[in-house]
Amino acid sequence: MSEKFVKVRGRHGTKSLDLTIPAELSAEHDIKPGDLFKVEIITDDDSVTIKYQLIYKNKH
């Protein structure tokens, strides 16, 4: 799989940040609005890895 890059965006009126799933990846892996992911943060020296695990697939 080739590398993809995303930009962190702030959300107006909240402290939450958004990471975008590129359209090519969401289509390839059938990721849709309403799907639910568990998030795990893994740190190692100067590196931060964010691991998303699908835990609920939206049927609609």
C-alpha atoms as a PDB file:
ATOM      1  CA  MET A   1       0.000   0.000   0.000  1.00  0.00           C
ATOM      2  CA  SER A   2       1.334   3.435  -0.884  1.00  0.00           C
ATOM      3  CA  GLU A   3       1.653   6.112   1.761  1.00  0.00           C
ATOM      4  CA  LYS A   4      -1.173   8.604   2.244  1.00  0.00           C
ATOM      5  CA  PHE A   5      -0.913  11.906   4.061  1.00  0.00           C
ATOM      6  CA  VAL A   6      -3.592  13.715   6.050  1.00  0.00           C
ATOM      7  CA  LYS A   7      -3.711  17.095   7.752  1.00  0.00           C
ATOM      8  CA  VAL A   8      -5.048  17.615  11.263  1.00  0.00           C
ATOM      9  CA  ARG A   9      -7.880  20.141  11.297  1.00  0.00           C
ATOM     10  CA  GLY A  10      -9.379  21.986  14.226  1.00  0.00           C
ATOM     11  CA  ARG A  11     -13.105  21.983  14.789  1.00  0.00           C
ATOM     12  CA  HIS A  12     -14.653  25.401  15.419  1.00  0.00           C
ATOM     13  CA  GLY A  13     -16.154  25.766  18.908  1.00  0.00           C
ATOM     14  CA  THR A  14     -14.575  22.619  20.353  1.00  0.00           C
ATOM     15  CA  LYS A  15     -11.164  21.305  21.350  1.00  0.00           C
ATOM     16  CA  SER A  16     -11.585  18.212  19.130  1.00  0.00           C
ATOM     17  CA  LEU A  17      -9.330  17.655  16.131  1.00  0.00           C
ATOM     18  CA  ASP A  18     -10.223  15.831  12.919  1.00  0.00           C
ATOM     19  CA  LEU A  19      -8.112  13.507  10.762  1.00  0.00           C
ATOM     20  CA  THR A  20      -9.505  12.865   7.290  1.00  0.00           C
ATOM     21  CA  ILE A  21      -9.611   9.397   5.732  1.00  0.00           C
ATOM     22  CA  PRO A  22      -8.646   9.815   2.063  1.00  0.00           C
ATOM     23  CA  ALA A  23     -11.532   8.966  -0.305  1.00  0.00           C
ATOM     24  CA  GLU A  24      -9.488   6.240  -2.010  1.00  0.00           C
ATOM     25  CA  LEU A  25      -8.938   4.437   1.315  1.00  0.00           C
ATOM     26  CA  SER A  26     -12.519   4.807   2.511  1.00  0.00           C
ATOM     27  CA  ALA A  27     -13.793   3.346  -0.778  1.00  0.00           C
ATOM     28  CA  GLU A  28     -11.202   0.554  -0.804  1.00  0.00           C
ATOM     29  CA  HIS A  29     -12.057  -0.487   2.779  1.00  0.00           C
ATOM     30  CA  ASP A  30     -15.792   0.352   2.739  1.00  0.00           C
ATOM     31  CA  ILE A  31     -15.486   2.936   5.526  1.00  0.00           C
ATOM     32  CA  LYS A  32     -18.625   5.039   5.783  1.00  0.00           C
ATOM     33  CA  PRO A  33     -20.092   7.757   8.031  1.00  0.00           C
ATOM     34  CA  GLY A  34     -21.412   6.203  11.230  1.00  0.00           C
ATOM     35  CA  ASP A  35     -18.733   3.495  11.447  1.00  0.00           C
ATOM     36  CA  LEU A  36     -17.232   3.419  14.935  1.00  0.00           C
ATOM     37  CA  PHE A  37     -13.526   3.021  15.679  1.00  0.00           C
ATOM     38  CA  LYS A  38     -11.550   2.433  18.870  1.00  0.00           C
ATOM     39  CA  VAL A  39      -8.426   4.645  19.046  1.00  0.00           C
ATOM     40  CA  GLU A  40      -5.083   3.649  20.534  1.00  0.00           C
ATOM     41  CA  ILE A  41      -2.081   5.984  20.812  1.00  0.00           C
ATOM     42  CA  ILE A  42       1.362   4.373  20.658  1.00  0.00           C
ATOM     43  CA  THR A  43       4.399   6.538  21.449  1.00  0.00           C
ATOM     44  CA  ASP A  44       8.019   5.605  20.847  1.00  0.00           C
ATOM     45  CA  ASP A  45      10.733   8.260  21.334  1.00  0.00           C
ATOM     46  CA  ASP A  46       9.742  11.068  18.921  1.00  0.00           C
ATOM     47  CA  SER A  47       7.116   9.033  17.053  1.00  0.00           C
ATOM     48  CA  VAL A  48       3.354   8.974  17.647  1.00  0.00           C
ATOM     49  CA  THR A  49       1.283   6.228  16.009  1.00  0.00           C
ATOM     50  CA  ILE A  50      -2.500   6.453  16.054  1.00  0.00           C
ATOM     51  CA  LYS A  51      -4.149   3.046  15.574  1.00  0.00           C
ATOM     52  CA  TYR A  52      -7.842   2.925  14.650  1.00  0.00           C
ATOM     53  CA  GLN A  53      -9.710  -0.377  15.005  1.00  0.00           C
ATOM     54  CA  LEU A  54     -13.197  -0.755  13.510  1.00  0.00           C
ATOM     55  CA  ILE A  55     -15.546  -1.946  16.238  1.00  0.00           C
ATOM     56  CA  TYR A  56     -18.944  -1.194  14.661  1.00  0.00           C
ATOM     57  CA  LYS A  57     -19.961  -1.177  10.995  1.00  0.00           C
ATOM     58  CA  ASN A  58     -22.877   1.145  10.191  1.00  0.00           C
ATOM     59  CA  LYS A  59     -25.452  -0.868   8.226  1.00  0.00           C
ATOM     60  CA  HIS A  60     -27.047   2.206   6.586  1.00  0.00           C
END
